[in-house]
Amino acid sequence: MIGFIVAGLVIGALARLIKPGKQNLGLLATLLLGLVGSVIGGVVASLLGTGDIFELNFLGFIVAVIAAVLLVGTAEAVVGRRRSVNR
């Protein structure tokens, strides 16, 4: 479980580094988006038969990072829209 959380944090941090521009997400949001990306990557890898959902493998890691980048972009769009409405 601790390894899964650490992997989620690493994947979330990588997603923030890969996505261009400034993100206004905190550490907790990064962790949560990285964890969701990890689960998505694990599910895709499991469906392709390369490993278990919670097993760290190359394909699952790549898919997890891509999913986390998309999630960070989506979260930024939602946060940006809320901030522009509140002004």
PDB file of N, CA and C in Angstrom:
ATOM      1  N   MET A   1       0.818  -1.197   0.000  1.00  0.00           N
ATOM      2  CA  MET A   1       0.000   0.000   0.000  1.00  0.00           C
ATOM      3  C   MET A   1       0.864   1.265   0.000  1.00  0.00           C
ATOM      4  N   ILE A   2       1.917   1.259   0.814  1.00  0.00           N
ATOM      5  CA  ILE A   2       2.805   2.423   0.858  1.00  0.00           C
ATOM      6  C   ILE A   2       3.516   2.592  -0.487  1.00  0.00           C
ATOM      7  N   GLY A   3       3.915   1.472  -1.088  1.00  0.00           N
ATOM      8  CA  GLY A   3       4.539   1.530  -2.410  1.00  0.00           C
ATOM      9  C   GLY A   3       3.601   2.100  -3.455  1.00  0.00           C
ATOM     10  N   PHE A   4       2.323   1.771  -3.355  1.00  0.00           N
ATOM     11  CA  PHE A   4       1.325   2.285  -4.295  1.00  0.00           C
ATOM     12  C   PHE A   4       1.185   3.796  -4.133  1.00  0.00           C
ATOM     13  N   ILE A   5       1.204   4.287  -2.895  1.00  0.00           N
ATOM     14  CA  ILE A   5       1.104   5.723  -2.647  1.00  0.00           C
ATOM     15  C   ILE A   5       2.341   6.446  -3.161  1.00  0.00           C
ATOM     16  N   VAL A   6       3.518   5.877  -2.922  1.00  0.00           N
ATOM     17  CA  VAL A   6       4.758   6.486  -3.417  1.00  0.00           C
ATOM     18  C   VAL A   6       4.767   6.508  -4.949  1.00  0.00           C
ATOM     19  N   ALA A   7       4.336   5.405  -5.564  1.00  0.00           N
ATOM     20  CA  ALA A   7       4.265   5.363  -7.033  1.00  0.00           C
ATOM     21  C   ALA A   7       3.283   6.410  -7.553  1.00  0.00           C
ATOM     22  N   GLY A   8       2.164   6.585  -6.863  1.00  0.00           N
ATOM     23  CA  GLY A   8       1.191   7.610  -7.264  1.00  0.00           C
ATOM     24  C   GLY A   8       1.763   9.003  -7.180  1.00  0.00           C
ATOM     25  N   LEU A   9       2.540   9.255  -6.130  1.00  0.00           N
ATOM     26  CA  LEU A   9       3.167  10.563  -5.981  1.00  0.00           C
ATOM     27  C   LEU A   9       4.191  10.803  -7.080  1.00  0.00           C
ATOM     28  N   VAL A  10       4.992   9.787  -7.394  1.00  0.00           N
ATOM     29  CA  VAL A  10       5.985   9.906  -8.462  1.00  0.00           C
ATOM     30  C   VAL A  10       5.298  10.112  -9.805  1.00  0.00           C
ATOM     31  N   ILE A  11       4.248   9.355 -10.069  1.00  0.00           N
ATOM     32  CA  ILE A  11       3.527   9.488 -11.336  1.00  0.00           C
ATOM     33  C   ILE A  11       2.858  10.855 -11.432  1.00  0.00           C
ATOM     34  N   GLY A  12       2.274  11.337 -10.340  1.00  0.00           N
ATOM     35  CA  GLY A  12       1.682  12.675 -10.337  1.00  0.00           C
ATOM     36  C   GLY A  12       2.720  13.757 -10.578  1.00  0.00           C
ATOM     37  N   ALA A  13       3.895  13.618  -9.953  1.00  0.00           N
ATOM     38  CA  ALA A  13       4.968  14.597 -10.156  1.00  0.00           C
ATOM     39  C   ALA A  13       5.465  14.573 -11.597  1.00  0.00           C
ATOM     40  N   LEU A  14       5.617  13.383 -12.158  1.00  0.00           N
ATOM     41  CA  LEU A  14       6.026  13.281 -13.568  1.00  0.00           C
ATOM     42  C   LEU A  14       4.985  13.915 -14.487  1.00  0.00           C
ATOM     43  N   ALA A  15       3.724  13.697 -14.178  1.00  0.00           N
ATOM     44  CA  ALA A  15       2.666  14.284 -15.005  1.00  0.00           C
ATOM     45  C   ALA A  15       2.734  15.804 -14.971  1.00  0.00           C
ATOM     46  N   ARG A  16       3.008  16.364 -13.792  1.00  0.00           N
ATOM     47  CA  ARG A  16       3.116  17.821 -13.699  1.00  0.00           C
ATOM     48  C   ARG A  16       4.344  18.338 -14.439  1.00  0.00           C
ATOM     49  N   LEU A  17       5.429  17.560 -14.445  1.00  0.00           N
ATOM     50  CA  LEU A  17       6.626  17.972 -15.176  1.00  0.00           C
ATOM     51  C   LEU A  17       6.422  17.902 -16.683  1.00  0.00           C
ATOM     52  N   ILE A  18       5.674  16.887 -17.124  1.00  0.00           N
ATOM     53  CA  ILE A  18       5.457  16.698 -18.558  1.00  0.00           C
ATOM     54  C   ILE A  18       4.490  17.731 -19.113  1.00  0.00           C
ATOM     55  N   LYS A  19       3.442  18.045 -18.348  1.00  0.00           N
ATOM     56  CA  LYS A  19       2.434  18.994 -18.834  1.00  0.00           C
ATOM     57  C   LYS A  19       3.012  20.401 -18.822  1.00  0.00           C
ATOM     58  N   PRO A  20       2.969  21.080 -19.951  1.00  0.00           N
ATOM     59  CA  PRO A  20       3.545  22.428 -20.005  1.00  0.00           C
ATOM     60  C   PRO A  20       2.690  23.436 -19.245  1.00  0.00           C
ATOM     61  N   GLY A  21       3.323  24.509 -18.833  1.00  0.00           N
ATOM     62  CA  GLY A  21       2.612  25.578 -18.145  1.00  0.00           C
ATOM     63  C   GLY A  21       2.624  25.400 -16.636  1.00  0.00           C
ATOM     64  N   LYS A  22       2.083  26.410 -15.960  1.00  0.00           N
ATOM     65  CA  LYS A  22       2.041  26.398 -14.499  1.00  0.00           C
ATOM     66  C   LYS A  22       0.740  25.752 -14.053  1.00  0.00           C
ATOM     67  N   GLN A  23       0.854  24.814 -13.127  1.00  0.00           N
ATOM     68  CA  GLN A  23      -0.327  24.174 -12.574  1.00  0.00           C
ATOM     69  C   GLN A  23      -0.552  24.691 -11.156  1.00  0.00           C
ATOM     70  N   ASN A  24      -1.790  24.993 -10.856  1.00  0.00           N
ATOM     71  CA  ASN A  24      -2.136  25.479  -9.527  1.00  0.00           C
ATOM     72  C   ASN A  24      -2.722  24.348  -8.689  1.00  0.00           C
ATOM     73  N   LEU A  25      -2.019  23.232  -8.646  1.00  0.00           N
ATOM     74  CA  LEU A  25      -2.466  22.080  -7.872  1.00  0.00           C
ATOM     75  C   LEU A  25      -1.523  21.875  -6.701  1.00  0.00           C
ATOM     76  N   GLY A  26      -2.083  21.510  -5.570  1.00  0.00           N
ATOM     77  CA  GLY A  26      -1.282  21.247  -4.389  1.00  0.00           C
ATOM     78  C   GLY A  26      -0.724  19.835  -4.393  1.00  0.00           C
ATOM     79  N   LEU A  27       0.015  19.519  -3.347  1.00  0.00           N
ATOM     80  CA  LEU A  27       0.628  18.203  -3.210  1.00  0.00           C
ATOM     81  C   LEU A  27      -0.430  17.109  -3.099  1.00  0.00           C
ATOM     82  N   LEU A  28      -1.491  17.363  -2.358  1.00  0.00           N
ATOM     83  CA  LEU A  28      -2.546  16.365  -2.192  1.00  0.00           C
ATOM     84  C   LEU A  28      -3.252  16.082  -3.521  1.00  0.00           C
ATOM     85  N   ALA A  29      -3.538  17.129  -4.287  1.00  0.00           N
ATOM     86  CA  ALA A  29      -4.176  16.939  -5.593  1.00  0.00           C
ATOM     87  C   ALA A  29      -3.257  16.168  -6.534  1.00  0.00           C
ATOM     88  N   THR A  30      -1.972  16.482  -6.492  1.00  0.00           N
ATOM     89  CA  THR A  30      -1.000  15.759  -7.308  1.00  0.00           C
ATOM     90  C   THR A  30      -0.966  14.288  -6.931  1.00  0.00           C
ATOM     91  N   LEU A  31      -0.952  14.007  -5.638  1.00  0.00           N
ATOM     92  CA  LEU A  31      -0.953  12.630  -5.156  1.00  0.00           C
ATOM     93  C   LEU A  31      -2.206  11.892  -5.611  1.00  0.00           C
ATOM     94  N   LEU A  32      -3.354  12.506  -5.437  1.00  0.00           N
ATOM     95  CA  LEU A  32      -4.609  11.851  -5.810  1.00  0.00           C
ATOM     96  C   LEU A  32      -4.699  11.599  -7.314  1.00  0.00           C
ATOM     97  N   LEU A  33      -4.289  12.569  -8.113  1.00  0.00           N
ATOM     98  CA  LEU A  33      -4.318  12.381  -9.565  1.00  0.00           C
ATOM     99  C   LEU A  33      -3.305  11.326  -9.994  1.00  0.00           C
ATOM    100  N   GLY A  34      -2.165  11.283  -9.327  1.00  0.00           N
ATOM    101  CA  GLY A  34      -1.178  10.236  -9.607  1.00  0.00           C
ATOM    102  C   GLY A  34      -1.695   8.861  -9.233  1.00  0.00           C
ATOM    103  N   LEU A  35      -2.412   8.761  -8.102  1.00  0.00           N
ATOM    104  CA  LEU A  35      -2.996   7.477  -7.693  1.00  0.00           C
ATOM    105  C   LEU A  35      -4.054   7.013  -8.683  1.00  0.00           C
ATOM    106  N   VAL A  36      -4.900   7.937  -9.121  1.00  0.00           N
ATOM    107  CA  VAL A  36      -5.920   7.579 -10.113  1.00  0.00           C
ATOM    108  C   VAL A  36      -5.254   7.158 -11.415  1.00  0.00           C
ATOM    109  N   GLY A  37      -4.210   7.874 -11.816  1.00  0.00           N
ATOM    110  CA  GLY A  37      -3.455   7.484 -13.005  1.00  0.00           C
ATOM    111  C   GLY A  37      -2.831   6.115 -12.858  1.00  0.00           C
ATOM    112  N   SER A  38      -2.339   5.807 -11.648  1.00  0.00           N
ATOM    113  CA  SER A  38      -1.759   4.485 -11.385  1.00  0.00           C
ATOM    114  C   SER A  38      -2.794   3.383 -11.529  1.00  0.00           C
ATOM    115  N   VAL A  39      -3.975   3.632 -11.007  1.00  0.00           N
ATOM    116  CA  VAL A  39      -5.043   2.638 -11.125  1.00  0.00           C
ATOM    117  C   VAL A  39      -5.428   2.440 -12.583  1.00  0.00           C
ATOM    118  N   ILE A  40      -5.554   3.528 -13.321  1.00  0.00           N
ATOM    119  CA  ILE A  40      -5.891   3.431 -14.748  1.00  0.00           C
ATOM    120  C   ILE A  40      -4.811   2.655 -15.492  1.00  0.00           C
ATOM    121  N   GLY A  41      -3.554   2.972 -15.220  1.00  0.00           N
ATOM    122  CA  GLY A  41      -2.447   2.256 -15.862  1.00  0.00           C
ATOM    123  C   GLY A  41      -2.454   0.780 -15.516  1.00  0.00           C
ATOM    124  N   GLY A  42      -2.731   0.464 -14.247  1.00  0.00           N
ATOM    125  CA  GLY A  42      -2.796  -0.931 -13.828  1.00  0.00           C
ATOM    126  C   GLY A  42      -3.938  -1.688 -14.479  1.00  0.00           C
ATOM    127  N   VAL A  43      -5.081  -1.022 -14.608  1.00  0.00           N
ATOM    128  CA  VAL A  43      -6.237  -1.660 -15.250  1.00  0.00           C
ATOM    129  C   VAL A  43      -5.947  -1.933 -16.719  1.00  0.00           C
ATOM    130  N   VAL A  44      -5.374  -0.958 -17.414  1.00  0.00           N
ATOM    131  CA  VAL A  44      -5.057  -1.152 -18.835  1.00  0.00           C
ATOM    132  C   VAL A  44      -4.029  -2.268 -19.000  1.00  0.00           C
ATOM    133  N   ALA A  45      -2.991  -2.273 -18.174  1.00  0.00           N
ATOM    134  CA  ALA A  45      -1.974  -3.329 -18.257  1.00  0.00           C
ATOM    135  C   ALA A  45      -2.586  -4.689 -17.961  1.00  0.00           C
ATOM    136  N   SER A  46      -3.498  -4.736 -16.998  1.00  0.00           N
ATOM    137  CA  SER A  46      -4.164  -5.994 -16.661  1.00  0.00           C
ATOM    138  C   SER A  46      -5.040  -6.477 -17.813  1.00  0.00           C
ATOM    139  N   LEU A  47      -5.757  -5.550 -18.444  1.00  0.00           N
ATOM    140  CA  LEU A  47      -6.611  -5.919 -19.577  1.00  0.00           C
ATOM    141  C   LEU A  47      -5.794  -6.420 -20.761  1.00  0.00           C
ATOM    142  N   LEU A  48      -4.569  -5.888 -20.912  1.00  0.00           N
ATOM    143  CA  LEU A  48      -3.699  -6.327 -21.997  1.00  0.00           C
ATOM    144  C   LEU A  48      -2.919  -7.587 -21.639  1.00  0.00           C
ATOM    145  N   GLY A  49      -3.078  -8.038 -20.397  1.00  0.00           N
ATOM    146  CA  GLY A  49      -2.443  -9.280 -19.979  1.00  0.00           C
ATOM    147  C   GLY A  49      -0.974  -9.157 -19.622  1.00  0.00           C
ATOM    148  N   THR A  50      -0.498  -7.954 -19.319  1.00  0.00           N
ATOM    149  CA  THR A  50       0.920  -7.793 -18.993  1.00  0.00           C
ATOM    150  C   THR A  50       1.188  -7.830 -17.494  1.00  0.00           C
ATOM    151  N   GLY A  51       0.160  -7.879 -16.680  1.00  0.00           N
ATOM    152  CA  GLY A  51       0.375  -7.940 -15.239  1.00  0.00           C
ATOM    153  C   GLY A  51      -0.903  -7.684 -14.474  1.00  0.00           C
ATOM    154  N   ASP A  52      -0.778  -7.697 -13.150  1.00  0.00           N
ATOM    155  CA  ASP A  52      -1.898  -7.446 -12.261  1.00  0.00           C
ATOM    156  C   ASP A  52      -2.123  -5.944 -12.128  1.00  0.00           C
ATOM    157  N   ILE A  53      -3.279  -5.546 -11.632  1.00  0.00           N
ATOM    158  CA  ILE A  53      -3.605  -4.126 -11.493  1.00  0.00           C
ATOM    159  C   ILE A  53      -2.593  -3.414 -10.603  1.00  0.00           C
ATOM    160  N   PHE A  54      -2.210  -4.022  -9.491  1.00  0.00           N
ATOM    161  CA  PHE A  54      -1.305  -3.368  -8.548  1.00  0.00           C
ATOM    162  C   PHE A  54       0.151  -3.754  -8.753  1.00  0.00           C
ATOM    163  N   GLU A  55       0.446  -4.412  -9.854  1.00  0.00           N
ATOM    164  CA  GLU A  55       1.815  -4.794 -10.172  1.00  0.00           C
ATOM    165  C   GLU A  55       2.442  -3.719 -11.048  1.00  0.00           C
ATOM    166  N   LEU A  56       3.612  -3.262 -10.652  1.00  0.00           N
ATOM    167  CA  LEU A  56       4.274  -2.218 -11.411  1.00  0.00           C
ATOM    168  C   LEU A  56       5.035  -2.847 -12.575  1.00  0.00           C
ATOM    169  N   ASN A  57       4.652  -2.472 -13.791  1.00  0.00           N
ATOM    170  CA  ASN A  57       5.378  -2.919 -14.968  1.00  0.00           C
ATOM    171  C   ASN A  57       5.514  -1.737 -15.928  1.00  0.00           C
ATOM    172  N   PHE A  58       6.303  -1.907 -16.949  1.00  0.00           N
ATOM    173  CA  PHE A  58       6.630  -0.795 -17.845  1.00  0.00           C
ATOM    174  C   PHE A  58       5.395  -0.230 -18.543  1.00  0.00           C
ATOM    175  N   LEU A  59       4.590  -1.094 -19.139  1.00  0.00           N
ATOM    176  CA  LEU A  59       3.403  -0.621 -19.868  1.00  0.00           C
ATOM    177  C   LEU A  59       2.430   0.082 -18.927  1.00  0.00           C
ATOM    178  N   GLY A  60       2.201  -0.509 -17.771  1.00  0.00           N
ATOM    179  CA  GLY A  60       1.307   0.112 -16.797  1.00  0.00           C
ATOM    180  C   GLY A  60       1.809   1.465 -16.345  1.00  0.00           C
ATOM    181  N   PHE A  61       3.124   1.583 -16.167  1.00  0.00           N
ATOM    182  CA  PHE A  61       3.717   2.849 -15.749  1.00  0.00           C
ATOM    183  C   PHE A  61       3.529   3.919 -16.820  1.00  0.00           C
ATOM    184  N   ILE A  62       3.790   3.571 -18.067  1.00  0.00           N
ATOM    185  CA  ILE A  62       3.639   4.532 -19.172  1.00  0.00           C
ATOM    186  C   ILE A  62       2.188   4.983 -19.292  1.00  0.00           C
ATOM    187  N   VAL A  63       1.253   4.038 -19.256  1.00  0.00           N
ATOM    188  CA  VAL A  63      -0.169   4.385 -19.344  1.00  0.00           C
ATOM    189  C   VAL A  63      -0.578   5.225 -18.135  1.00  0.00           C
ATOM    190  N   ALA A  64      -0.044   4.910 -16.954  1.00  0.00           N
ATOM    191  CA  ALA A  64      -0.365   5.668 -15.750  1.00  0.00           C
ATOM    192  C   ALA A  64       0.096   7.119 -15.875  1.00  0.00           C
ATOM    193  N   VAL A  65       1.283   7.331 -16.404  1.00  0.00           N
ATOM    194  CA  VAL A  65       1.790   8.696 -16.567  1.00  0.00           C
ATOM    195  C   VAL A  65       0.943   9.458 -17.590  1.00  0.00           C
ATOM    196  N   ILE A  66       0.593   8.815 -18.691  1.00  0.00           N
ATOM    197  CA  ILE A  66      -0.252   9.464 -19.704  1.00  0.00           C
ATOM    198  C   ILE A  66      -1.611   9.809 -19.108  1.00  0.00           C
ATOM    199  N   ALA A  67      -2.203   8.873 -18.379  1.00  0.00           N
ATOM    200  CA  ALA A  67      -3.499   9.123 -17.746  1.00  0.00           C
ATOM    201  C   ALA A  67      -3.396  10.261 -16.742  1.00  0.00           C
ATOM    202  N   ALA A  68      -2.317  10.294 -15.971  1.00  0.00           N
ATOM    203  CA  ALA A  68      -2.144  11.358 -14.979  1.00  0.00           C
ATOM    204  C   ALA A  68      -1.955  12.718 -15.653  1.00  0.00           C
ATOM    205  N   VAL A  69      -1.248  12.767 -16.779  1.00  0.00           N
ATOM    206  CA  VAL A  69      -1.098  14.029 -17.517  1.00  0.00           C
ATOM    207  C   VAL A  69      -2.473  14.525 -17.967  1.00  0.00           C
ATOM    208  N   LEU A  70      -3.285  13.629 -18.491  1.00  0.00           N
ATOM    209  CA  LEU A  70      -4.636  14.015 -18.917  1.00  0.00           C
ATOM    210  C   LEU A  70      -5.481  14.464 -17.728  1.00  0.00           C
ATOM    211  N   LEU A  71      -5.334  13.793 -16.595  1.00  0.00           N
ATOM    212  CA  LEU A  71      -6.084  14.170 -15.398  1.00  0.00           C
ATOM    213  C   LEU A  71      -5.642  15.526 -14.859  1.00  0.00           C
ATOM    214  N   VAL A  72      -4.341  15.796 -14.889  1.00  0.00           N
ATOM    215  CA  VAL A  72      -3.844  17.100 -14.442  1.00  0.00           C
ATOM    216  C   VAL A  72      -4.397  18.192 -15.360  1.00  0.00           C
ATOM    217  N   GLY A  73      -4.403  17.954 -16.656  1.00  0.00           N
ATOM    218  CA  GLY A  73      -4.967  18.925 -17.593  1.00  0.00           C
ATOM    219  C   GLY A  73      -6.447  19.168 -17.344  1.00  0.00           C
ATOM    220  N   THR A  74      -7.179  18.103 -17.080  1.00  0.00           N
ATOM    221  CA  THR A  74      -8.610  18.231 -16.795  1.00  0.00           C
ATOM    222  C   THR A  74      -8.831  18.986 -15.487  1.00  0.00           C
ATOM    223  N   ALA A  75      -8.056  18.654 -14.468  1.00  0.00           N
ATOM    224  CA  ALA A  75      -8.185  19.344 -13.179  1.00  0.00           C
ATOM    225  C   ALA A  75      -7.862  20.825 -13.321  1.00  0.00           C
ATOM    226  N   GLU A  76      -6.857  21.153 -14.087  1.00  0.00           N
ATOM    227  CA  GLU A  76      -6.501  22.552 -14.309  1.00  0.00           C
ATOM    228  C   GLU A  76      -7.619  23.298 -15.027  1.00  0.00           C
ATOM    229  N   ALA A  77      -8.248  22.649 -16.000  1.00  0.00           N
ATOM    230  CA  ALA A  77      -9.357  23.280 -16.718  1.00  0.00           C
ATOM    231  C   ALA A  77     -10.524  23.551 -15.768  1.00  0.00           C
ATOM    232  N   VAL A  78     -10.813  22.602 -14.896  1.00  0.00           N
ATOM    233  CA  VAL A  78     -11.911  22.768 -13.942  1.00  0.00           C
ATOM    234  C   VAL A  78     -11.590  23.864 -12.931  1.00  0.00           C
ATOM    235  N   VAL A  79     -10.376  23.851 -12.386  1.00  0.00           N
ATOM    236  CA  VAL A  79      -9.972  24.870 -11.409  1.00  0.00           C
ATOM    237  C   VAL A  79      -9.937  26.239 -12.071  1.00  0.00           C
ATOM    238  N   GLY A  80      -9.424  26.330 -13.278  1.00  0.00           N
ATOM    239  CA  GLY A  80      -9.365  27.607 -13.993  1.00  0.00           C
ATOM    240  C   GLY A  80     -10.744  28.161 -14.292  1.00  0.00           C
ATOM    241  N   ARG A  81     -11.677  27.282 -14.638  1.00  0.00           N
ATOM    242  CA  ARG A  81     -13.044  27.710 -14.934  1.00  0.00           C
ATOM    243  C   ARG A  81     -13.709  28.230 -13.665  1.00  0.00           C
ATOM    244  N   ARG A  82     -13.496  27.559 -12.537  1.00  0.00           N
ATOM    245  CA  ARG A  82     -14.091  28.004 -11.266  1.00  0.00           C
ATOM    246  C   ARG A  82     -13.531  29.359 -10.843  1.00  0.00           C
ATOM    247  N   ARG A  83     -12.248  29.551 -11.024  1.00  0.00           N
ATOM    248  CA  ARG A  83     -11.632  30.827 -10.620  1.00  0.00           C
ATOM    249  C   ARG A  83     -12.108  31.973 -11.483  1.00  0.00           C
ATOM    250  N   SER A  84     -12.326  31.725 -12.793  1.00  0.00           N
ATOM    251  CA  SER A  84     -12.786  32.801 -13.662  1.00  0.00           C
ATOM    252  C   SER A  84     -14.245  33.139 -13.386  1.00  0.00           C
ATOM    253  N   VAL A  85     -15.033  32.186 -12.930  1.00  0.00           N
ATOM    254  CA  VAL A  85     -16.445  32.427 -12.599  1.00  0.00           C
ATOM    255  C   VAL A  85     -16.558  33.204 -11.288  1.00  0.00           C
ATOM    256  N   ASN A  86     -15.672  32.911 -10.342  1.00  0.00           N
ATOM    257  CA  ASN A  86     -15.725  33.565  -9.039  1.00  0.00           C
ATOM    258  C   ASN A  86     -15.212  34.991  -9.055  1.00  0.00           C
ATOM    259  N   ARG A  87     -14.572  35.421 -10.107  1.00  0.00           N
ATOM    260  CA  ARG A  87     -14.018  36.795 -10.154  1.00  0.00           C
ATOM    261  C   ARG A  87     -15.015  37.761 -10.611  1.00  0.00           C
TER     262      ARG A  87
END
